[in-house]
PDB file of N, CA and C in Angstrom:
ATOM      1  N   MET A   1      -3.577  -9.399  16.293  1.00  0.00           N
ATOM      2  CA  MET A   1      -3.905  -9.814  14.994  1.00  0.00           C
ATOM      3  C   MET A   1      -3.264  -8.929  13.878  1.00  0.00           C
ATOM      4  N   LYS A   2      -3.092  -9.452  12.874  1.00  0.00           N
ATOM      5  CA  LYS A   2      -2.361  -8.764  11.759  1.00  0.00           C
ATOM      6  C   LYS A   2      -3.440  -8.055  10.926  1.00  0.00           C
ATOM      7  N   GLU A   3      -3.180  -6.882  10.555  1.00  0.00           N
ATOM      8  CA  GLU A   3      -3.930  -6.117   9.623  1.00  0.00           C
ATOM      9  C   GLU A   3      -3.587  -6.509   8.253  1.00  0.00           C
ATOM     10  N   LEU A   4      -4.452  -6.665   7.186  1.00  0.00           N
ATOM     11  CA  LEU A   4      -3.970  -7.160   6.004  1.00  0.00           C
ATOM     12  C   LEU A   4      -4.829  -6.013   4.972  1.00  0.00           C
ATOM     13  N   ASN A   5      -3.947  -5.912   3.918  1.00  0.00           N
ATOM     14  CA  ASN A   5      -4.428  -4.984   2.574  1.00  0.00           C
ATOM     15  C   ASN A   5      -4.472  -5.711   1.498  1.00  0.00           C
ATOM     16  N   GLU A   6      -4.521  -4.971   0.163  1.00  0.00           N
ATOM     17  CA  GLU A   6      -4.485  -5.819  -0.987  1.00  0.00           C
ATOM     18  C   GLU A   6      -3.115  -6.231  -1.283  1.00  0.00           C
ATOM     19  N   LEU A   7      -2.294  -5.621  -0.820  1.00  0.00           N
ATOM     20  CA  LEU A   7      -0.535  -5.935  -1.065  1.00  0.00           C
ATOM     21  C   LEU A   7      -0.267  -7.254  -0.369  1.00  0.00           C
ATOM     22  N   ASN A   8      -0.896  -7.513   1.064  1.00  0.00           N
ATOM     23  CA  ASN A   8      -0.458  -8.776   1.609  1.00  0.00           C
ATOM     24  C   ASN A   8      -1.549  -9.813   1.730  1.00  0.00           C
ATOM     25  N   PHE A   9      -2.606  -9.381   1.355  1.00  0.00           N
ATOM     26  CA  PHE A   9      -3.635 -10.402   1.495  1.00  0.00           C
ATOM     27  C   PHE A   9      -3.618 -11.896   1.032  1.00  0.00           C
ATOM     28  N   LYS A  10      -3.203 -11.972  -0.104  1.00  0.00           N
ATOM     29  CA  LYS A  10      -3.021 -13.174  -1.050  1.00  0.00           C
ATOM     30  C   LYS A  10      -1.829 -14.050  -0.225  1.00  0.00           C
ATOM     31  N   ASP A  11      -0.848 -13.391   0.070  1.00  0.00           N
ATOM     32  CA  ASP A  11       0.301 -14.143   0.791  1.00  0.00           C
ATOM     33  C   ASP A  11      -0.071 -14.671   2.028  1.00  0.00           C
ATOM     34  N   GLU A  12      -0.958 -13.772   2.776  1.00  0.00           N
ATOM     35  CA  GLU A  12      -1.142 -14.329   4.083  1.00  0.00           C
ATOM     36  C   GLU A  12      -2.149 -15.722   4.218  1.00  0.00           C
ATOM     37  N   ILE A  13      -3.115 -15.595   3.013  1.00  0.00           N
ATOM     38  CA  ILE A  13      -3.991 -16.781   3.145  1.00  0.00           C
ATOM     39  C   ILE A  13      -3.530 -17.767   2.335  1.00  0.00           C
ATOM     40  N   SER A  14      -2.273 -17.833   1.623  1.00  0.00           N
ATOM     41  CA  SER A  14      -1.862 -18.777   0.695  1.00  0.00           C
ATOM     42  C   SER A  14      -1.594 -20.114   1.283  1.00  0.00           C
ATOM     43  N   SER A  15      -1.176 -20.159   2.497  1.00  0.00           N
ATOM     44  CA  SER A  15      -0.945 -21.578   3.188  1.00  0.00           C
ATOM     45  C   SER A  15      -1.575 -21.652   4.590  1.00  0.00           C
ATOM     46  N   GLY A  16      -1.846 -22.770   5.030  1.00  0.00           N
ATOM     47  CA  GLY A  16      -2.403 -23.027   6.350  1.00  0.00           C
ATOM     48  C   GLY A  16      -3.845 -22.559   6.312  1.00  0.00           C
ATOM     49  N   ILE A  17      -4.411 -22.358   7.384  1.00  0.00           N
ATOM     50  CA  ILE A  17      -5.809 -21.933   7.776  1.00  0.00           C
ATOM     51  C   ILE A  17      -5.727 -20.684   8.366  1.00  0.00           C
ATOM     52  N   THR A  18      -6.638 -19.833   7.725  1.00  0.00           N
ATOM     53  CA  THR A  18      -6.647 -18.348   8.130  1.00  0.00           C
ATOM     54  C   THR A  18      -8.042 -17.813   8.109  1.00  0.00           C
ATOM     55  N   LEU A  19      -8.154 -17.190   9.370  1.00  0.00           N
ATOM     56  CA  LEU A  19      -9.563 -16.449   9.508  1.00  0.00           C
ATOM     57  C   LEU A  19      -9.435 -14.950   9.444  1.00  0.00           C
ATOM     58  N   ILE A  20     -10.228 -14.622   8.553  1.00  0.00           N
ATOM     59  CA  ILE A  20     -10.185 -13.139   8.118  1.00  0.00           C
ATOM     60  C   ILE A  20     -11.232 -12.374   8.602  1.00  0.00           C
ATOM     61  N   ASP A  21     -11.124 -11.412   9.294  1.00  0.00           N
ATOM     62  CA  ASP A  21     -12.305 -10.437   9.799  1.00  0.00           C
ATOM     63  C   ASP A  21     -12.344  -9.152   9.150  1.00  0.00           C
ATOM     64  N   PHE A  22     -13.449  -8.994   8.300  1.00  0.00           N
ATOM     65  CA  PHE A  22     -13.758  -7.931   7.542  1.00  0.00           C
ATOM     66  C   PHE A  22     -14.699  -6.968   8.370  1.00  0.00           C
ATOM     67  N   TRP A  23     -13.980  -5.711   8.556  1.00  0.00           N
ATOM     68  CA  TRP A  23     -14.606  -4.859   9.535  1.00  0.00           C
ATOM     69  C   TRP A  23     -14.493  -3.496   9.331  1.00  0.00           C
ATOM     70  N   ALA A  24     -14.999  -2.533  10.067  1.00  0.00           N
ATOM     71  CA  ALA A  24     -14.950  -1.049   9.833  1.00  0.00           C
ATOM     72  C   ALA A  24     -14.777  -0.443  11.510  1.00  0.00           C
ATOM     73  N   PRO A  25     -14.122   0.625  11.712  1.00  0.00           N
ATOM     74  CA  PRO A  25     -13.944   1.287  12.908  1.00  0.00           C
ATOM     75  C   PRO A  25     -15.504   1.633  13.442  1.00  0.00           C
ATOM     76  N   TRP A  26     -16.142   2.179  12.625  1.00  0.00           N
ATOM     77  CA  TRP A  26     -17.483   2.575  12.945  1.00  0.00           C
ATOM     78  C   TRP A  26     -18.574   1.701  13.349  1.00  0.00           C
ATOM     79  N   CYS A  27     -18.211   0.291  12.990  1.00  0.00           N
ATOM     80  CA  CYS A  27     -19.242  -0.760  12.961  1.00  0.00           C
ATOM     81  C   CYS A  27     -19.352  -1.113  14.268  1.00  0.00           C
ATOM     82  N   GLY A  28     -20.382  -1.037  14.967  1.00  0.00           N
ATOM     83  CA  GLY A  28     -20.664  -1.539  16.370  1.00  0.00           C
ATOM     84  C   GLY A  28     -20.575  -3.025  16.647  1.00  0.00           C
ATOM     85  N   PRO A  29     -21.256  -3.737  15.706  1.00  0.00           N
ATOM     86  CA  PRO A  29     -21.231  -5.259  15.742  1.00  0.00           C
ATOM     87  C   PRO A  29     -19.745  -5.799  15.618  1.00  0.00           C
ATOM     88  N   CYS A  30     -19.008  -5.059  14.723  1.00  0.00           N
ATOM     89  CA  CYS A  30     -17.830  -5.292  14.561  1.00  0.00           C
ATOM     90  C   CYS A  30     -16.975  -5.256  15.910  1.00  0.00           C
ATOM     91  N   ARG A  31     -17.170  -4.350  16.661  1.00  0.00           N
ATOM     92  CA  ARG A  31     -16.590  -3.961  18.009  1.00  0.00           C
ATOM     93  C   ARG A  31     -16.818  -4.920  18.967  1.00  0.00           C
ATOM     94  N   MET A  32     -18.121  -5.438  18.897  1.00  0.00           N
ATOM     95  CA  MET A  32     -18.696  -6.381  19.731  1.00  0.00           C
ATOM     96  C   MET A  32     -17.923  -7.674  19.500  1.00  0.00           C
ATOM     97  N   ILE A  33     -17.474  -8.287  18.394  1.00  0.00           N
ATOM     98  CA  ILE A  33     -16.834  -9.519  17.993  1.00  0.00           C
ATOM     99  C   ILE A  33     -15.265  -9.396  18.173  1.00  0.00           C
ATOM    100  N   ALA A  34     -14.829  -8.247  18.236  1.00  0.00           N
ATOM    101  CA  ALA A  34     -13.175  -8.022  18.104  1.00  0.00           C
ATOM    102  C   ALA A  34     -12.735  -8.806  19.638  1.00  0.00           C
ATOM    103  N   PRO A  35     -13.273  -8.747  20.748  1.00  0.00           N
ATOM    104  CA  PRO A  35     -12.788  -9.362  21.935  1.00  0.00           C
ATOM    105  C   PRO A  35     -12.902 -11.065  21.590  1.00  0.00           C
ATOM    106  N   ILE A  36     -13.850 -11.693  20.977  1.00  0.00           N
ATOM    107  CA  ILE A  36     -13.976 -12.887  20.798  1.00  0.00           C
ATOM    108  C   ILE A  36     -12.796 -13.289  19.936  1.00  0.00           C
ATOM    109  N   LEU A  37     -12.608 -12.614  18.768  1.00  0.00           N
ATOM    110  CA  LEU A  37     -11.351 -12.939  17.968  1.00  0.00           C
ATOM    111  C   LEU A  37     -10.151 -12.907  18.543  1.00  0.00           C
ATOM    112  N   GLU A  38      -9.961 -11.892  19.373  1.00  0.00           N
ATOM    113  CA  GLU A  38      -8.672 -11.959  20.223  1.00  0.00           C
ATOM    114  C   GLU A  38      -8.412 -13.127  21.094  1.00  0.00           C
ATOM    115  N   GLU A  39      -9.626 -13.528  21.817  1.00  0.00           N
ATOM    116  CA  GLU A  39      -9.549 -14.717  22.387  1.00  0.00           C
ATOM    117  C   GLU A  39      -9.260 -16.151  21.624  1.00  0.00           C
ATOM    118  N   LEU A  40     -10.025 -16.244  20.532  1.00  0.00           N
ATOM    119  CA  LEU A  40      -9.707 -17.294  19.454  1.00  0.00           C
ATOM    120  C   LEU A  40      -8.215 -17.232  18.960  1.00  0.00           C
ATOM    121  N   ASP A  41      -7.743 -15.985  18.944  1.00  0.00           N
ATOM    122  CA  ASP A  41      -6.295 -15.971  18.225  1.00  0.00           C
ATOM    123  C   ASP A  41      -5.284 -16.451  19.480  1.00  0.00           C
ATOM    124  N   LYS A  42      -5.644 -16.538  20.683  1.00  0.00           N
ATOM    125  CA  LYS A  42      -4.890 -17.282  21.512  1.00  0.00           C
ATOM    126  C   LYS A  42      -5.024 -18.469  21.625  1.00  0.00           C
ATOM    127  N   GLU A  43      -6.351 -18.762  21.612  1.00  0.00           N
ATOM    128  CA  GLU A  43      -6.637 -20.483  21.992  1.00  0.00           C
ATOM    129  C   GLU A  43      -6.267 -21.110  20.711  1.00  0.00           C
ATOM    130  N   TYR A  44      -6.180 -20.568  19.698  1.00  0.00           N
ATOM    131  CA  TYR A  44      -5.904 -21.663  18.257  1.00  0.00           C
ATOM    132  C   TYR A  44      -4.516 -20.992  17.795  1.00  0.00           C
ATOM    133  N   ALA A  45      -3.874 -20.376  18.642  1.00  0.00           N
ATOM    134  CA  ALA A  45      -2.557 -20.097  18.160  1.00  0.00           C
ATOM    135  C   ALA A  45      -1.577 -21.181  17.573  1.00  0.00           C
ATOM    136  N   GLY A  46      -0.962 -21.181  16.716  1.00  0.00           N
ATOM    137  CA  GLY A  46      -0.343 -22.334  15.986  1.00  0.00           C
ATOM    138  C   GLY A  46      -1.006 -23.079  15.139  1.00  0.00           C
ATOM    139  N   LYS A  47      -2.233 -23.052  15.149  1.00  0.00           N
ATOM    140  CA  LYS A  47      -3.107 -23.876  14.260  1.00  0.00           C
ATOM    141  C   LYS A  47      -3.981 -22.889  13.384  1.00  0.00           C
ATOM    142  N   LEU A  48      -4.223 -21.701  13.750  1.00  0.00           N
ATOM    143  CA  LEU A  48      -5.224 -20.756  12.993  1.00  0.00           C
ATOM    144  C   LEU A  48      -4.648 -19.391  13.033  1.00  0.00           C
ATOM    145  N   LYS A  49      -4.569 -18.734  11.850  1.00  0.00           N
ATOM    146  CA  LYS A  49      -4.151 -17.432  11.855  1.00  0.00           C
ATOM    147  C   LYS A  49      -5.403 -16.486  11.884  1.00  0.00           C
ATOM    148  N   ILE A  50      -5.707 -15.461  12.570  1.00  0.00           N
ATOM    149  CA  ILE A  50      -6.669 -14.630  12.577  1.00  0.00           C
ATOM    150  C   ILE A  50      -6.008 -13.242  12.119  1.00  0.00           C
ATOM    151  N   CYS A  51      -6.623 -12.696  11.055  1.00  0.00           N
ATOM    152  CA  CYS A  51      -6.326 -11.460  10.515  1.00  0.00           C
ATOM    153  C   CYS A  51      -7.518 -10.517  10.237  1.00  0.00           C
ATOM    154  N   LYS A  52      -7.083  -9.079  10.151  1.00  0.00           N
ATOM    155  CA  LYS A  52      -8.330  -8.093   9.775  1.00  0.00           C
ATOM    156  C   LYS A  52      -8.089  -7.558   8.519  1.00  0.00           C
ATOM    157  N   VAL A  53      -9.067  -7.137   8.054  1.00  0.00           N
ATOM    158  CA  VAL A  53      -9.105  -6.155   6.755  1.00  0.00           C
ATOM    159  C   VAL A  53     -10.066  -5.150   7.255  1.00  0.00           C
ATOM    160  N   ASN A  54      -9.636  -3.758   7.237  1.00  0.00           N
ATOM    161  CA  ASN A  54     -10.298  -2.772   7.376  1.00  0.00           C
ATOM    162  C   ASN A  54     -11.258  -2.271   6.070  1.00  0.00           C
ATOM    163  N   VAL A  55     -12.517  -2.589   6.000  1.00  0.00           N
ATOM    164  CA  VAL A  55     -13.060  -2.513   4.543  1.00  0.00           C
ATOM    165  C   VAL A  55     -13.032  -0.974   4.187  1.00  0.00           C
ATOM    166  N   ASP A  56     -12.938  -0.067   5.130  1.00  0.00           N
ATOM    167  CA  ASP A  56     -12.847   1.391   4.701  1.00  0.00           C
ATOM    168  C   ASP A  56     -11.623   1.843   4.066  1.00  0.00           C
ATOM    169  N   ASN A  57     -10.396   1.166   4.461  1.00  0.00           N
ATOM    170  CA  ASN A  57      -9.311   1.200   3.944  1.00  0.00           C
ATOM    171  C   ASN A  57      -8.955   0.582   2.454  1.00  0.00           C
ATOM    172  N   ASP A  58      -9.685  -0.609   2.408  1.00  0.00           N
ATOM    173  CA  ASP A  58      -9.559  -1.654   1.309  1.00  0.00           C
ATOM    174  C   ASP A  58     -10.739  -1.931   0.599  1.00  0.00           C
ATOM    175  N   ARG A  59     -11.424  -0.966   0.105  1.00  0.00           N
ATOM    176  CA  ARG A  59     -12.555  -1.062  -0.504  1.00  0.00           C
ATOM    177  C   ARG A  59     -12.832  -2.082  -1.660  1.00  0.00           C
ATOM    178  N   ALA A  60     -11.682  -1.678  -2.550  1.00  0.00           N
ATOM    179  CA  ALA A  60     -11.517  -2.699  -3.695  1.00  0.00           C
ATOM    180  C   ALA A  60     -11.337  -4.249  -3.233  1.00  0.00           C
ATOM    181  N   LEU A  61     -10.554  -4.526  -2.352  1.00  0.00           N
ATOM    182  CA  LEU A  61     -10.489  -5.866  -1.852  1.00  0.00           C
ATOM    183  C   LEU A  61     -11.771  -6.469  -1.397  1.00  0.00           C
ATOM    184  N   ALA A  62     -12.538  -5.632  -0.609  1.00  0.00           N
ATOM    185  CA  ALA A  62     -13.704  -6.167  -0.018  1.00  0.00           C
ATOM    186  C   ALA A  62     -14.848  -6.286  -1.113  1.00  0.00           C
ATOM    187  N   GLN A  63     -14.931  -5.404  -2.084  1.00  0.00           N
ATOM    188  CA  GLN A  63     -15.773  -5.495  -3.329  1.00  0.00           C
ATOM    189  C   GLN A  63     -15.383  -6.649  -3.976  1.00  0.00           C
ATOM    190  N   SER A  64     -14.256  -7.014  -4.365  1.00  0.00           N
ATOM    191  CA  SER A  64     -13.620  -8.343  -4.909  1.00  0.00           C
ATOM    192  C   SER A  64     -14.178  -9.586  -4.356  1.00  0.00           C
ATOM    193  N   LEU A  65     -14.329  -9.651  -3.025  1.00  0.00           N
ATOM    194  CA  LEU A  65     -14.569 -10.813  -2.431  1.00  0.00           C
ATOM    195  C   LEU A  65     -16.175 -10.614  -1.874  1.00  0.00           C
ATOM    196  N   ARG A  66     -16.936  -9.541  -2.540  1.00  0.00           N
ATOM    197  CA  ARG A  66     -18.151  -9.634  -2.405  1.00  0.00           C
ATOM    198  C   ARG A  66     -18.704  -9.554  -0.808  1.00  0.00           C
ATOM    199  N   ILE A  67     -18.012  -8.826  -0.122  1.00  0.00           N
ATOM    200  CA  ILE A  67     -18.331  -8.387   1.137  1.00  0.00           C
ATOM    201  C   ILE A  67     -19.443  -7.229   1.293  1.00  0.00           C
ATOM    202  N   VAL A  68     -20.648  -7.536   1.637  1.00  0.00           N
ATOM    203  CA  VAL A  68     -21.659  -6.624   1.516  1.00  0.00           C
ATOM    204  C   VAL A  68     -22.155  -6.290   2.900  1.00  0.00           C
ATOM    205  N   SER A  69     -21.876  -7.117   3.957  1.00  0.00           N
ATOM    206  CA  SER A  69     -22.213  -6.613   5.188  1.00  0.00           C
ATOM    207  C   SER A  69     -21.031  -6.875   6.106  1.00  0.00           C
ATOM    208  N   ILE A  70     -20.937  -5.969   7.203  1.00  0.00           N
ATOM    209  CA  ILE A  70     -19.841  -6.248   8.083  1.00  0.00           C
ATOM    210  C   ILE A  70     -20.381  -6.539   9.745  1.00  0.00           C
ATOM    211  N   PRO A  71     -19.781  -7.270  10.201  1.00  0.00           N
ATOM    212  CA  PRO A  71     -18.568  -8.058  10.014  1.00  0.00           C
ATOM    213  C   PRO A  71     -18.945  -9.197   9.277  1.00  0.00           C
ATOM    214  N   THR A  72     -17.915  -9.613   8.526  1.00  0.00           N
ATOM    215  CA  THR A  72     -17.786 -10.747   7.701  1.00  0.00           C
ATOM    216  C   THR A  72     -16.666 -11.759   8.119  1.00  0.00           C
ATOM    217  N   LEU A  73     -16.665 -12.823   8.515  1.00  0.00           N
ATOM    218  CA  LEU A  73     -15.523 -13.577   8.605  1.00  0.00           C
ATOM    219  C   LEU A  73     -15.347 -14.701   7.654  1.00  0.00           C
ATOM    220  N   ILE A  74     -14.087 -14.802   6.941  1.00  0.00           N
ATOM    221  CA  ILE A  74     -13.969 -15.882   6.048  1.00  0.00           C
ATOM    222  C   ILE A  74     -12.843 -16.736   6.290  1.00  0.00           C
ATOM    223  N   LEU A  75     -13.157 -17.930   6.231  1.00  0.00           N
ATOM    224  CA  LEU A  75     -12.194 -18.959   6.806  1.00  0.00           C
ATOM    225  C   LEU A  75     -11.540 -19.433   5.451  1.00  0.00           C
ATOM    226  N   TYR A  76     -10.195 -19.359   5.328  1.00  0.00           N
ATOM    227  CA  TYR A  76      -9.437 -19.880   4.115  1.00  0.00           C
ATOM    228  C   TYR A  76      -8.539 -21.070   4.586  1.00  0.00           C
ATOM    229  N   LYS A  77      -8.392 -21.952   3.559  1.00  0.00           N
ATOM    230  CA  LYS A  77      -7.369 -23.151   3.899  1.00  0.00           C
ATOM    231  C   LYS A  77      -6.839 -23.063   2.540  1.00  0.00           C
ATOM    232  N   ASP A  78      -5.303 -22.926   2.623  1.00  0.00           N
ATOM    233  CA  ASP A  78      -4.515 -22.852   1.632  1.00  0.00           C
ATOM    234  C   ASP A  78      -5.019 -22.012   0.552  1.00  0.00           C
ATOM    235  N   GLY A  79      -5.403 -20.877   0.668  1.00  0.00           N
ATOM    236  CA  GLY A  79      -6.028 -19.939  -0.268  1.00  0.00           C
ATOM    237  C   GLY A  79      -7.097 -20.048  -0.713  1.00  0.00           C
ATOM    238  N   GLU A  80      -7.926 -21.171  -0.380  1.00  0.00           N
ATOM    239  CA  GLU A  80      -9.250 -21.390  -0.799  1.00  0.00           C
ATOM    240  C   GLU A  80     -10.294 -21.089   0.125  1.00  0.00           C
ATOM    241  N   GLU A  81     -11.361 -20.331  -0.147  1.00  0.00           N
ATOM    242  CA  GLU A  81     -12.374 -19.935   0.970  1.00  0.00           C
ATOM    243  C   GLU A  81     -13.220 -21.093   1.222  1.00  0.00           C
ATOM    244  N   GLN A  82     -13.227 -21.449   2.556  1.00  0.00           N
ATOM    245  CA  GLN A  82     -14.055 -22.709   2.939  1.00  0.00           C
ATOM    246  C   GLN A  82     -15.296 -22.273   3.731  1.00  0.00           C
ATOM    247  N   LYS A  83     -15.336 -21.156   4.222  1.00  0.00           N
ATOM    248  CA  LYS A  83     -16.573 -20.831   5.303  1.00  0.00           C
ATOM    249  C   LYS A  83     -16.762 -19.391   5.303  1.00  0.00           C
ATOM    250  N   ARG A  84     -18.003 -18.948   5.276  1.00  0.00           N
ATOM    251  CA  ARG A  84     -18.333 -17.658   5.598  1.00  0.00           C
ATOM    252  C   ARG A  84     -19.154 -17.161   6.526  1.00  0.00           C
ATOM    253  N   ILE A  85     -18.857 -16.444   7.580  1.00  0.00           N
ATOM    254  CA  ILE A  85     -20.023 -15.900   8.675  1.00  0.00           C
ATOM    255  C   ILE A  85     -20.178 -14.596   8.839  1.00  0.00           C
ATOM    256  N   VAL A  86     -21.623 -14.269   8.601  1.00  0.00           N
ATOM    257  CA  VAL A  86     -21.998 -12.919   8.489  1.00  0.00           C
ATOM    258  C   VAL A  86     -22.557 -12.455   9.628  1.00  0.00           C
ATOM    259  N   GLY A  87     -22.036 -11.308  10.387  1.00  0.00           N
ATOM    260  CA  GLY A  87     -22.702 -10.755  11.346  1.00  0.00           C
ATOM    261  C   GLY A  87     -21.967 -10.917  12.733  1.00  0.00           C
ATOM    262  N   ALA A  88     -22.371 -10.263  13.682  1.00  0.00           N
ATOM    263  CA  ALA A  88     -21.952 -10.615  14.954  1.00  0.00           C
ATOM    264  C   ALA A  88     -22.479 -11.760  15.608  1.00  0.00           C
ATOM    265  N   VAL A  89     -21.706 -12.926  15.864  1.00  0.00           N
ATOM    266  CA  VAL A  89     -22.222 -14.163  16.277  1.00  0.00           C
ATOM    267  C   VAL A  89     -21.318 -14.476  17.486  1.00  0.00           C
ATOM    268  N   ALA A  90     -21.887 -15.576  18.347  1.00  0.00           N
ATOM    269  CA  ALA A  90     -21.315 -15.737  19.473  1.00  0.00           C
ATOM    270  C   ALA A  90     -20.136 -16.748  19.247  1.00  0.00           C
ATOM    271  N   LYS A  91     -19.291 -16.658  20.053  1.00  0.00           N
ATOM    272  CA  LYS A  91     -17.974 -17.389  20.122  1.00  0.00           C
ATOM    273  C   LYS A  91     -18.262 -18.954  19.907  1.00  0.00           C
ATOM    274  N   GLU A  92     -19.274 -19.418  20.481  1.00  0.00           N
ATOM    275  CA  GLU A  92     -19.533 -20.763  20.251  1.00  0.00           C
ATOM    276  C   GLU A  92     -19.785 -21.035  18.682  1.00  0.00           C
ATOM    277  N   LYS A  93     -20.530 -20.168  18.314  1.00  0.00           N
ATOM    278  CA  LYS A  93     -20.906 -20.329  16.767  1.00  0.00           C
ATOM    279  C   LYS A  93     -19.665 -20.264  15.785  1.00  0.00           C
ATOM    280  N   ILE A  94     -18.776 -19.363  16.041  1.00  0.00           N
ATOM    281  CA  ILE A  94     -17.642 -19.280  15.326  1.00  0.00           C
ATOM    282  C   ILE A  94     -16.719 -20.473  15.466  1.00  0.00           C
ATOM    283  N   THR A  95     -16.596 -20.845  16.841  1.00  0.00           N
ATOM    284  CA  THR A  95     -15.796 -22.144  17.116  1.00  0.00           C
ATOM    285  C   THR A  95     -16.531 -23.227  16.376  1.00  0.00           C
ATOM    286  N   ARG A  96     -17.738 -23.507  16.559  1.00  0.00           N
ATOM    287  CA  ARG A  96     -18.350 -24.625  15.798  1.00  0.00           C
ATOM    288  C   ARG A  96     -18.102 -24.702  14.406  1.00  0.00           C
ATOM    289  N   GLU A  97     -18.171 -23.610  13.749  1.00  0.00           N
ATOM    290  CA  GLU A  97     -18.123 -23.454  12.182  1.00  0.00           C
ATOM    291  C   GLU A  97     -16.742 -23.629  11.921  1.00  0.00           C
ATOM    292  N   ILE A  98     -15.531 -23.100  12.586  1.00  0.00           N
ATOM    293  CA  ILE A  98     -14.098 -23.384  12.249  1.00  0.00           C
ATOM    294  C   ILE A  98     -13.691 -24.757  12.595  1.00  0.00           C
ATOM    295  N   SER A  99     -14.175 -25.368  13.720  1.00  0.00           N
ATOM    296  CA  SER A  99     -13.528 -26.452  14.288  1.00  0.00           C
ATOM    297  C   SER A  99     -13.274 -27.540  13.058  1.00  0.00           C
ATOM    298  N   PRO A 100     -14.088 -27.891  12.406  1.00  0.00           N
ATOM    299  CA  PRO A 100     -13.907 -29.159  11.536  1.00  0.00           C
ATOM    300  C   PRO A 100     -12.725 -28.941  10.453  1.00  0.00           C
ATOM    301  N   PHE A 101     -12.211 -27.685  10.364  1.00  0.00           N
ATOM    302  CA  PHE A 101     -11.102 -27.463   9.488  1.00  0.00           C
ATOM    303  C   PHE A 101      -9.843 -27.350  10.316  1.00  0.00           C
ATOM    304  N   LEU A 102     -10.084 -27.552  11.731  1.00  0.00           N
ATOM    305  CA  LEU A 102      -8.713 -27.581  12.499  1.00  0.00           C
ATOM    306  C   LEU A 102      -8.391 -28.828  12.809  1.00  0.00           C
ATOM    307  N   ALA A 103      -9.125 -29.892  12.712  1.00  0.00           N
ATOM    308  CA  ALA A 103      -9.012 -31.235  13.073  1.00  0.00           C
ATOM    309  C   ALA A 103      -7.771 -31.793  12.288  1.00  0.00           C
TER     310      ALA A 103
END
């Protein structure tokens, strides 16, 4: 999964469907969902890009997007936010939330 920052964030979300994981290395729940996101990255290859933003390294970006709790997943379609999932949730919930946008 590609690591994003303020410099490449807009380019990466500008086209297609992209799921961004806002996380931090010290965040236990973030580490819990990391393997789930790795699985989804493989399962949806070609349909969905999954990228990560380390909020410790890119605080300004996280603040501009109103990230107040991590992990936060934001689904973008052609640069527009479509869905926001906050907290460590099961793979099934993530799949259920993003599936309508992949049809």
